[in-house]
Amino acid sequence: MALITEQGYSVSRAAASLGVTDKLLYNWKAKFEAEKSGSVLSPDERAELMRLRKENKELRMEKDILKKASALLLKET
């Protein structure tokens, strides 16, 4: 990445210098920029996010069930 970010090489020129394809270097550059900006989640953060999403989904389902049950109980009285 230093060839591009610090030395001002174009992606094509840097890729040729490194012996890789432009596409691969673009992918590396995108990953580098994402990591630099902090938008990439660590494996632990990703696992926690998945766990929280699952828990959120379950809680919403439980809330919907309780809401429907209370509506039915109120209807019966």
PDB file of N, CA and C in Angstrom:
ATOM      1  N   MET A   1       0.813  -1.180   0.000  1.00  0.00           N
ATOM      2  CA  MET A   1       0.000   0.000   0.000  1.00  0.00           C
ATOM      3  C   MET A   1       0.857   1.244   0.000  1.00  0.00           C
ATOM      4  N   ALA A   2       2.084   1.135   0.512  1.00  0.00           N
ATOM      5  CA  ALA A   2       2.953   2.306   0.567  1.00  0.00           C
ATOM      6  C   ALA A   2       3.242   2.846  -0.826  1.00  0.00           C
ATOM      7  N   LEU A   3       3.325   1.957  -1.816  1.00  0.00           N
ATOM      8  CA  LEU A   3       3.560   2.428  -3.184  1.00  0.00           C
ATOM      9  C   LEU A   3       2.453   3.377  -3.625  1.00  0.00           C
ATOM     10  N   ILE A   4       1.239   3.078  -3.239  1.00  0.00           N
ATOM     11  CA  ILE A   4       0.093   3.896  -3.651  1.00  0.00           C
ATOM     12  C   ILE A   4      -0.087   5.088  -2.718  1.00  0.00           C
ATOM     13  N   THR A   5      -0.129   4.819  -1.414  1.00  0.00           N
ATOM     14  CA  THR A   5      -0.469   5.874  -0.458  1.00  0.00           C
ATOM     15  C   THR A   5       0.670   6.847  -0.200  1.00  0.00           C
ATOM     16  N   GLU A   6       1.903   6.372  -0.188  1.00  0.00           N
ATOM     17  CA  GLU A   6       3.024   7.240   0.159  1.00  0.00           C
ATOM     18  C   GLU A   6       3.842   7.683  -1.047  1.00  0.00           C
ATOM     19  N   GLN A   7       3.977   6.810  -2.043  1.00  0.00           N
ATOM     20  CA  GLN A   7       4.840   7.137  -3.174  1.00  0.00           C
ATOM     21  C   GLN A   7       4.071   7.599  -4.399  1.00  0.00           C
ATOM     22  N   GLY A   8       2.753   7.615  -4.315  1.00  0.00           N
ATOM     23  CA  GLY A   8       1.943   8.160  -5.392  1.00  0.00           C
ATOM     24  C   GLY A   8       1.834   7.306  -6.642  1.00  0.00           C
ATOM     25  N   TYR A   9       2.139   6.016  -6.533  1.00  0.00           N
ATOM     26  CA  TYR A   9       1.985   5.118  -7.681  1.00  0.00           C
ATOM     27  C   TYR A   9       0.503   4.959  -8.004  1.00  0.00           C
ATOM     28  N   SER A  10       0.193   4.766  -9.270  1.00  0.00           N
ATOM     29  CA  SER A  10      -1.170   4.381  -9.629  1.00  0.00           C
ATOM     30  C   SER A  10      -1.341   2.912  -9.259  1.00  0.00           C
ATOM     31  N   VAL A  11      -2.578   2.480  -9.158  1.00  0.00           N
ATOM     32  CA  VAL A  11      -2.829   1.076  -8.820  1.00  0.00           C
ATOM     33  C   VAL A  11      -2.229   0.171  -9.887  1.00  0.00           C
ATOM     34  N   SER A  12      -2.389   0.540 -11.148  1.00  0.00           N
ATOM     35  CA  SER A  12      -1.854  -0.278 -12.244  1.00  0.00           C
ATOM     36  C   SER A  12      -0.341  -0.401 -12.157  1.00  0.00           C
ATOM     37  N   ARG A  13       0.319   0.721 -11.894  1.00  0.00           N
ATOM     38  CA  ARG A  13       1.787   0.711 -11.823  1.00  0.00           C
ATOM     39  C   ARG A  13       2.265  -0.088 -10.612  1.00  0.00           C
ATOM     40  N   ALA A  14       1.609   0.099  -9.475  1.00  0.00           N
ATOM     41  CA  ALA A  14       1.986  -0.637  -8.268  1.00  0.00           C
ATOM     42  C   ALA A  14       1.748  -2.132  -8.457  1.00  0.00           C
ATOM     43  N   ALA A  15       0.628  -2.491  -9.086  1.00  0.00           N
ATOM     44  CA  ALA A  15       0.330  -3.906  -9.335  1.00  0.00           C
ATOM     45  C   ALA A  15       1.389  -4.525 -10.232  1.00  0.00           C
ATOM     46  N   ALA A  16       1.785  -3.810 -11.271  1.00  0.00           N
ATOM     47  CA  ALA A  16       2.824  -4.321 -12.175  1.00  0.00           C
ATOM     48  C   ALA A  16       4.140  -4.490 -11.428  1.00  0.00           C
ATOM     49  N   SER A  17       4.480  -3.552 -10.559  1.00  0.00           N
ATOM     50  CA  SER A  17       5.721  -3.637  -9.782  1.00  0.00           C
ATOM     51  C   SER A  17       5.719  -4.829  -8.838  1.00  0.00           C
ATOM     52  N   LEU A  18       4.540  -5.146  -8.319  1.00  0.00           N
ATOM     53  CA  LEU A  18       4.423  -6.253  -7.365  1.00  0.00           C
ATOM     54  C   LEU A  18       4.149  -7.594  -8.030  1.00  0.00           C
ATOM     55  N   GLY A  19       3.819  -7.564  -9.313  1.00  0.00           N
ATOM     56  CA  GLY A  19       3.530  -8.804 -10.029  1.00  0.00           C
ATOM     57  C   GLY A  19       2.169  -9.386  -9.690  1.00  0.00           C
ATOM     58  N   VAL A  20       1.210  -8.506  -9.376  1.00  0.00           N
ATOM     59  CA  VAL A  20      -0.154  -8.954  -9.086  1.00  0.00           C
ATOM     60  C   VAL A  20      -1.112  -8.230 -10.024  1.00  0.00           C
ATOM     61  N   THR A  21      -2.362  -8.688 -10.050  1.00  0.00           N
ATOM     62  CA  THR A  21      -3.349  -8.051 -10.925  1.00  0.00           C
ATOM     63  C   THR A  21      -3.858  -6.754 -10.297  1.00  0.00           C
ATOM     64  N   ASP A  22      -4.370  -5.885 -11.151  1.00  0.00           N
ATOM     65  CA  ASP A  22      -4.960  -4.630 -10.675  1.00  0.00           C
ATOM     66  C   ASP A  22      -6.104  -4.913  -9.704  1.00  0.00           C
ATOM     67  N   LYS A  23      -6.927  -5.896 -10.060  1.00  0.00           N
ATOM     68  CA  LYS A  23      -8.099  -6.219  -9.235  1.00  0.00           C
ATOM     69  C   LYS A  23      -7.680  -6.627  -7.830  1.00  0.00           C
ATOM     70  N   LEU A  24      -6.650  -7.467  -7.730  1.00  0.00           N
ATOM     71  CA  LEU A  24      -6.177  -7.907  -6.423  1.00  0.00           C
ATOM     72  C   LEU A  24      -5.688  -6.715  -5.608  1.00  0.00           C
ATOM     73  N   LEU A  25      -4.954  -5.828  -6.251  1.00  0.00           N
ATOM     74  CA  LEU A  25      -4.442  -4.661  -5.540  1.00  0.00           C
ATOM     75  C   LEU A  25      -5.579  -3.722  -5.132  1.00  0.00           C
ATOM     76  N   TYR A  26      -6.586  -3.568  -5.978  1.00  0.00           N
ATOM     77  CA  TYR A  26      -7.759  -2.768  -5.598  1.00  0.00           C
ATOM     78  C   TYR A  26      -8.439  -3.374  -4.368  1.00  0.00           C
ATOM     79  N   ASN A  27      -8.538  -4.707  -4.331  1.00  0.00           N
ATOM     80  CA  ASN A  27      -9.134  -5.379  -3.165  1.00  0.00           C
ATOM     81  C   ASN A  27      -8.302  -5.120  -1.912  1.00  0.00           C
ATOM     82  N   TRP A  28      -6.977  -5.228  -2.041  1.00  0.00           N
ATOM     83  CA  TRP A  28      -6.094  -4.961  -0.909  1.00  0.00           C
ATOM     84  C   TRP A  28      -6.249  -3.517  -0.443  1.00  0.00           C
ATOM     85  N   LYS A  29      -6.314  -2.605  -1.406  1.00  0.00           N
ATOM     86  CA  LYS A  29      -6.443  -1.182  -1.084  1.00  0.00           C
ATOM     87  C   LYS A  29      -7.757  -0.919  -0.342  1.00  0.00           C
ATOM     88  N   ALA A  30      -8.844  -1.505  -0.817  1.00  0.00           N
ATOM     89  CA  ALA A  30     -10.145  -1.316  -0.163  1.00  0.00           C
ATOM     90  C   ALA A  30     -10.120  -1.868   1.261  1.00  0.00           C
ATOM     91  N   LYS A  31      -9.509  -3.045   1.427  1.00  0.00           N
ATOM     92  CA  LYS A  31      -9.416  -3.647   2.758  1.00  0.00           C
ATOM     93  C   LYS A  31      -8.553  -2.783   3.672  1.00  0.00           C
ATOM     94  N   PHE A  32      -7.445  -2.301   3.147  1.00  0.00           N
ATOM     95  CA  PHE A  32      -6.546  -1.435   3.910  1.00  0.00           C
ATOM     96  C   PHE A  32      -7.273  -0.177   4.370  1.00  0.00           C
ATOM     97  N   GLU A  33      -8.011   0.453   3.464  1.00  0.00           N
ATOM     98  CA  GLU A  33      -8.727   1.683   3.802  1.00  0.00           C
ATOM     99  C   GLU A  33      -9.849   1.423   4.805  1.00  0.00           C
ATOM    100  N   ALA A  34     -10.515   0.285   4.678  1.00  0.00           N
ATOM    101  CA  ALA A  34     -11.579  -0.066   5.624  1.00  0.00           C
ATOM    102  C   ALA A  34     -11.000  -0.299   7.018  1.00  0.00           C
ATOM    103  N   GLU A  35      -9.874  -1.002   7.084  1.00  0.00           N
ATOM    104  CA  GLU A  35      -9.236  -1.252   8.376  1.00  0.00           C
ATOM    105  C   GLU A  35      -8.737   0.051   8.987  1.00  0.00           C
ATOM    106  N   LYS A  36      -8.204   0.903   8.145  1.00  0.00           N
ATOM    107  CA  LYS A  36      -7.679   2.187   8.608  1.00  0.00           C
ATOM    108  C   LYS A  36      -8.795   3.055   9.186  1.00  0.00           C
ATOM    109  N   SER A  37      -9.962   3.007   8.582  1.00  0.00           N
ATOM    110  CA  SER A  37     -11.089   3.822   9.051  1.00  0.00           C
ATOM    111  C   SER A  37     -11.806   3.180  10.236  1.00  0.00           C
ATOM    112  N   GLY A  38     -11.465   1.938  10.542  1.00  0.00           N
ATOM    113  CA  GLY A  38     -12.084   1.254  11.672  1.00  0.00           C
ATOM    114  C   GLY A  38     -13.432   0.642  11.360  1.00  0.00           C
ATOM    115  N   SER A  39     -13.778   0.525  10.089  1.00  0.00           N
ATOM    116  CA  SER A  39     -15.091  -0.012   9.733  1.00  0.00           C
ATOM    117  C   SER A  39     -15.105  -1.537   9.630  1.00  0.00           C
ATOM    118  N   VAL A  40     -13.962  -2.169   9.798  1.00  0.00           N
ATOM    119  CA  VAL A  40     -13.889  -3.631   9.738  1.00  0.00           C
ATOM    120  C   VAL A  40     -14.024  -4.180  11.157  1.00  0.00           C
ATOM    121  N   LEU A  41     -14.906  -5.142  11.330  1.00  0.00           N
ATOM    122  CA  LEU A  41     -15.124  -5.733  12.644  1.00  0.00           C
ATOM    123  C   LEU A  41     -14.120  -6.842  12.908  1.00  0.00           C
ATOM    124  N   SER A  42     -13.687  -6.924  14.158  1.00  0.00           N
ATOM    125  CA  SER A  42     -12.832  -8.038  14.555  1.00  0.00           C
ATOM    126  C   SER A  42     -13.707  -9.287  14.642  1.00  0.00           C
ATOM    127  N   PRO A  43     -13.092 -10.472  14.657  1.00  0.00           N
ATOM    128  CA  PRO A  43     -13.900 -11.700  14.783  1.00  0.00           C
ATOM    129  C   PRO A  43     -14.774 -11.705  16.041  1.00  0.00           C
ATOM    130  N   ASP A  44     -14.249 -11.185  17.151  1.00  0.00           N
ATOM    131  CA  ASP A  44     -15.041 -11.123  18.386  1.00  0.00           C
ATOM    132  C   ASP A  44     -16.221 -10.164  18.241  1.00  0.00           C
ATOM    133  N   GLU A  45     -15.973  -9.020  17.607  1.00  0.00           N
ATOM    134  CA  GLU A  45     -17.054  -8.054  17.397  1.00  0.00           C
ATOM    135  C   GLU A  45     -18.122  -8.622  16.471  1.00  0.00           C
ATOM    136  N   ARG A  46     -17.686  -9.328  15.440  1.00  0.00           N
ATOM    137  CA  ARG A  46     -18.628  -9.931  14.498  1.00  0.00           C
ATOM    138  C   ARG A  46     -19.478 -10.996  15.201  1.00  0.00           C
ATOM    139  N   ALA A  47     -18.845 -11.805  16.056  1.00  0.00           N
ATOM    140  CA  ALA A  47     -19.579 -12.840  16.790  1.00  0.00           C
ATOM    141  C   ALA A  47     -20.597 -12.201  17.736  1.00  0.00           C
ATOM    142  N   GLU A  48     -20.184 -11.127  18.417  1.00  0.00           N
ATOM    143  CA  GLU A  48     -21.110 -10.443  19.321  1.00  0.00           C
ATOM    144  C   GLU A  48     -22.268  -9.816  18.551  1.00  0.00           C
ATOM    145  N   LEU A  49     -21.974  -9.230  17.407  1.00  0.00           N
ATOM    146  CA  LEU A  49     -23.026  -8.638  16.582  1.00  0.00           C
ATOM    147  C   LEU A  49     -24.040  -9.695  16.160  1.00  0.00           C
ATOM    148  N   MET A  50     -23.562 -10.854  15.733  1.00  0.00           N
ATOM    149  CA  MET A  50     -24.461 -11.933  15.325  1.00  0.00           C
ATOM    150  C   MET A  50     -25.309 -12.408  16.506  1.00  0.00           C
ATOM    151  N   ARG A  51     -24.675 -12.534  17.673  1.00  0.00           N
ATOM    152  CA  ARG A  51     -25.400 -12.962  18.875  1.00  0.00           C
ATOM    153  C   ARG A  51     -26.480 -11.941  19.236  1.00  0.00           C
ATOM    154  N   LEU A  52     -26.137 -10.669  19.177  1.00  0.00           N
ATOM    155  CA  LEU A  52     -27.096  -9.620  19.524  1.00  0.00           C
ATOM    156  C   LEU A  52     -28.238  -9.539  18.520  1.00  0.00           C
ATOM    157  N   ARG A  53     -27.934  -9.746  17.258  1.00  0.00           N
ATOM    158  CA  ARG A  53     -28.998  -9.748  16.247  1.00  0.00           C
ATOM    159  C   ARG A  53     -29.971 -10.900  16.486  1.00  0.00           C
ATOM    160  N   LYS A  54     -29.412 -12.063  16.820  1.00  0.00           N
ATOM    161  CA  LYS A  54     -30.259 -13.226  17.097  1.00  0.00           C
ATOM    162  C   LYS A  54     -31.130 -12.965  18.326  1.00  0.00           C
ATOM    163  N   GLU A  55     -30.516 -12.424  19.370  1.00  0.00           N
ATOM    164  CA  GLU A  55     -31.264 -12.114  20.589  1.00  0.00           C
ATOM    165  C   GLU A  55     -32.357 -11.080  20.309  1.00  0.00           C
ATOM    166  N   ASN A  56     -32.041 -10.080  19.518  1.00  0.00           N
ATOM    167  CA  ASN A  56     -33.011  -9.049  19.154  1.00  0.00           C
ATOM    168  C   ASN A  56     -34.198  -9.662  18.416  1.00  0.00           C
ATOM    169  N   LYS A  57     -33.914 -10.558  17.486  1.00  0.00           N
ATOM    170  CA  LYS A  57     -34.977 -11.219  16.722  1.00  0.00           C
ATOM    171  C   LYS A  57     -35.886 -12.025  17.652  1.00  0.00           C
ATOM    172  N   GLU A  58     -35.266 -12.772  18.580  1.00  0.00           N
ATOM    173  CA  GLU A  58     -36.047 -13.580  19.521  1.00  0.00           C
ATOM    174  C   GLU A  58     -36.912 -12.699  20.420  1.00  0.00           C
ATOM    175  N   LEU A  59     -36.357 -11.591  20.887  1.00  0.00           N
ATOM    176  CA  LEU A  59     -37.118 -10.689  21.752  1.00  0.00           C
ATOM    177  C   LEU A  59     -38.292 -10.058  21.011  1.00  0.00           C
ATOM    178  N   ARG A  60     -38.087  -9.711  19.755  1.00  0.00           N
ATOM    179  CA  ARG A  60     -39.186  -9.160  18.956  1.00  0.00           C
ATOM    180  C   ARG A  60     -40.302 -10.193  18.780  1.00  0.00           C
ATOM    181  N   MET A  61     -39.904 -11.450  18.538  1.00  0.00           N
ATOM    182  CA  MET A  61     -40.907 -12.505  18.378  1.00  0.00           C
ATOM    183  C   MET A  61     -41.685 -12.694  19.676  1.00  0.00           C
ATOM    184  N   GLU A  62     -40.972 -12.713  20.804  1.00  0.00           N
ATOM    185  CA  GLU A  62     -41.634 -12.867  22.098  1.00  0.00           C
ATOM    186  C   GLU A  62     -42.592 -11.711  22.360  1.00  0.00           C
ATOM    187  N   LYS A  63     -42.159 -10.504  22.031  1.00  0.00           N
ATOM    188  CA  LYS A  63     -43.014  -9.326  22.221  1.00  0.00           C
ATOM    189  C   LYS A  63     -44.278  -9.440  21.380  1.00  0.00           C
ATOM    190  N   ASP A  64     -44.129  -9.867  20.131  1.00  0.00           N
ATOM    191  CA  ASP A  64     -45.292 -10.015  19.248  1.00  0.00           C
ATOM    192  C   ASP A  64     -46.265 -11.065  19.777  1.00  0.00           C
ATOM    193  N   ILE A  65     -45.717 -12.170  20.283  1.00  0.00           N
ATOM    194  CA  ILE A  65     -46.566 -13.229  20.842  1.00  0.00           C
ATOM    195  C   ILE A  65     -47.341 -12.706  22.049  1.00  0.00           C
ATOM    196  N   LEU A  66     -46.647 -12.000  22.950  1.00  0.00           N
ATOM    197  CA  LEU A  66     -47.309 -11.456  24.138  1.00  0.00           C
ATOM    198  C   LEU A  66     -48.355 -10.410  23.769  1.00  0.00           C
ATOM    199  N   LYS A  67     -48.067  -9.625  22.773  1.00  0.00           N
ATOM    200  CA  LYS A  67     -49.013  -8.602  22.316  1.00  0.00           C
ATOM    201  C   LYS A  67     -50.294  -9.258  21.786  1.00  0.00           C
ATOM    202  N   LYS A  68     -50.125 -10.311  20.982  1.00  0.00           N
ATOM    203  CA  LYS A  68     -51.285 -11.023  20.432  1.00  0.00           C
ATOM    204  C   LYS A  68     -52.064 -11.733  21.535  1.00  0.00           C
ATOM    205  N   ALA A  69     -51.333 -12.324  22.483  1.00  0.00           N
ATOM    206  CA  ALA A  69     -51.996 -13.033  23.579  1.00  0.00           C
ATOM    207  C   ALA A  69     -52.800 -12.066  24.439  1.00  0.00           C
ATOM    208  N   SER A  70     -52.232 -10.915  24.731  1.00  0.00           N
ATOM    209  CA  SER A  70     -52.965  -9.944  25.557  1.00  0.00           C
ATOM    210  C   SER A  70     -54.188  -9.415  24.815  1.00  0.00           C
ATOM    211  N   ALA A  71     -54.085  -9.250  23.518  1.00  0.00           N
ATOM    212  CA  ALA A  71     -55.243  -8.808  22.728  1.00  0.00           C
ATOM    213  C   ALA A  71     -56.345  -9.856  22.779  1.00  0.00           C
ATOM    214  N   LEU A  72     -55.982 -11.135  22.698  1.00  0.00           N
ATOM    215  CA  LEU A  72     -56.973 -12.212  22.773  1.00  0.00           C
ATOM    216  C   LEU A  72     -57.627 -12.270  24.150  1.00  0.00           C
ATOM    217  N   LEU A  73     -56.824 -12.108  25.193  1.00  0.00           N
ATOM    218  CA  LEU A  73     -57.372 -12.140  26.553  1.00  0.00           C
ATOM    219  C   LEU A  73     -58.324 -10.973  26.792  1.00  0.00           C
ATOM    220  N   LEU A  74     -57.988  -9.813  26.287  1.00  0.00           N
ATOM    221  CA  LEU A  74     -58.862  -8.649  26.453  1.00  0.00           C
ATOM    222  C   LEU A  74     -60.156  -8.816  25.673  1.00  0.00           C
ATOM    223  N   LYS A  75     -60.067  -9.485  24.545  1.00  0.00           N
ATOM    224  CA  LYS A  75     -61.241  -9.723  23.704  1.00  0.00           C
ATOM    225  C   LYS A  75     -62.235 -10.644  24.408  1.00  0.00           C
ATOM    226  N   GLU A  76     -61.719 -11.614  25.153  1.00  0.00           N
ATOM    227  CA  GLU A  76     -62.562 -12.598  25.827  1.00  0.00           C
ATOM    228  C   GLU A  76     -63.309 -12.001  27.012  1.00  0.00           C
ATOM    229  N   THR A  77     -62.818 -10.942  27.585  1.00  0.00           N
ATOM    230  CA  THR A  77     -63.469 -10.380  28.781  1.00  0.00           C
ATOM    231  C   THR A  77     -64.524  -9.364  28.458  1.00  0.00           C
TER     232      THR A  77
END
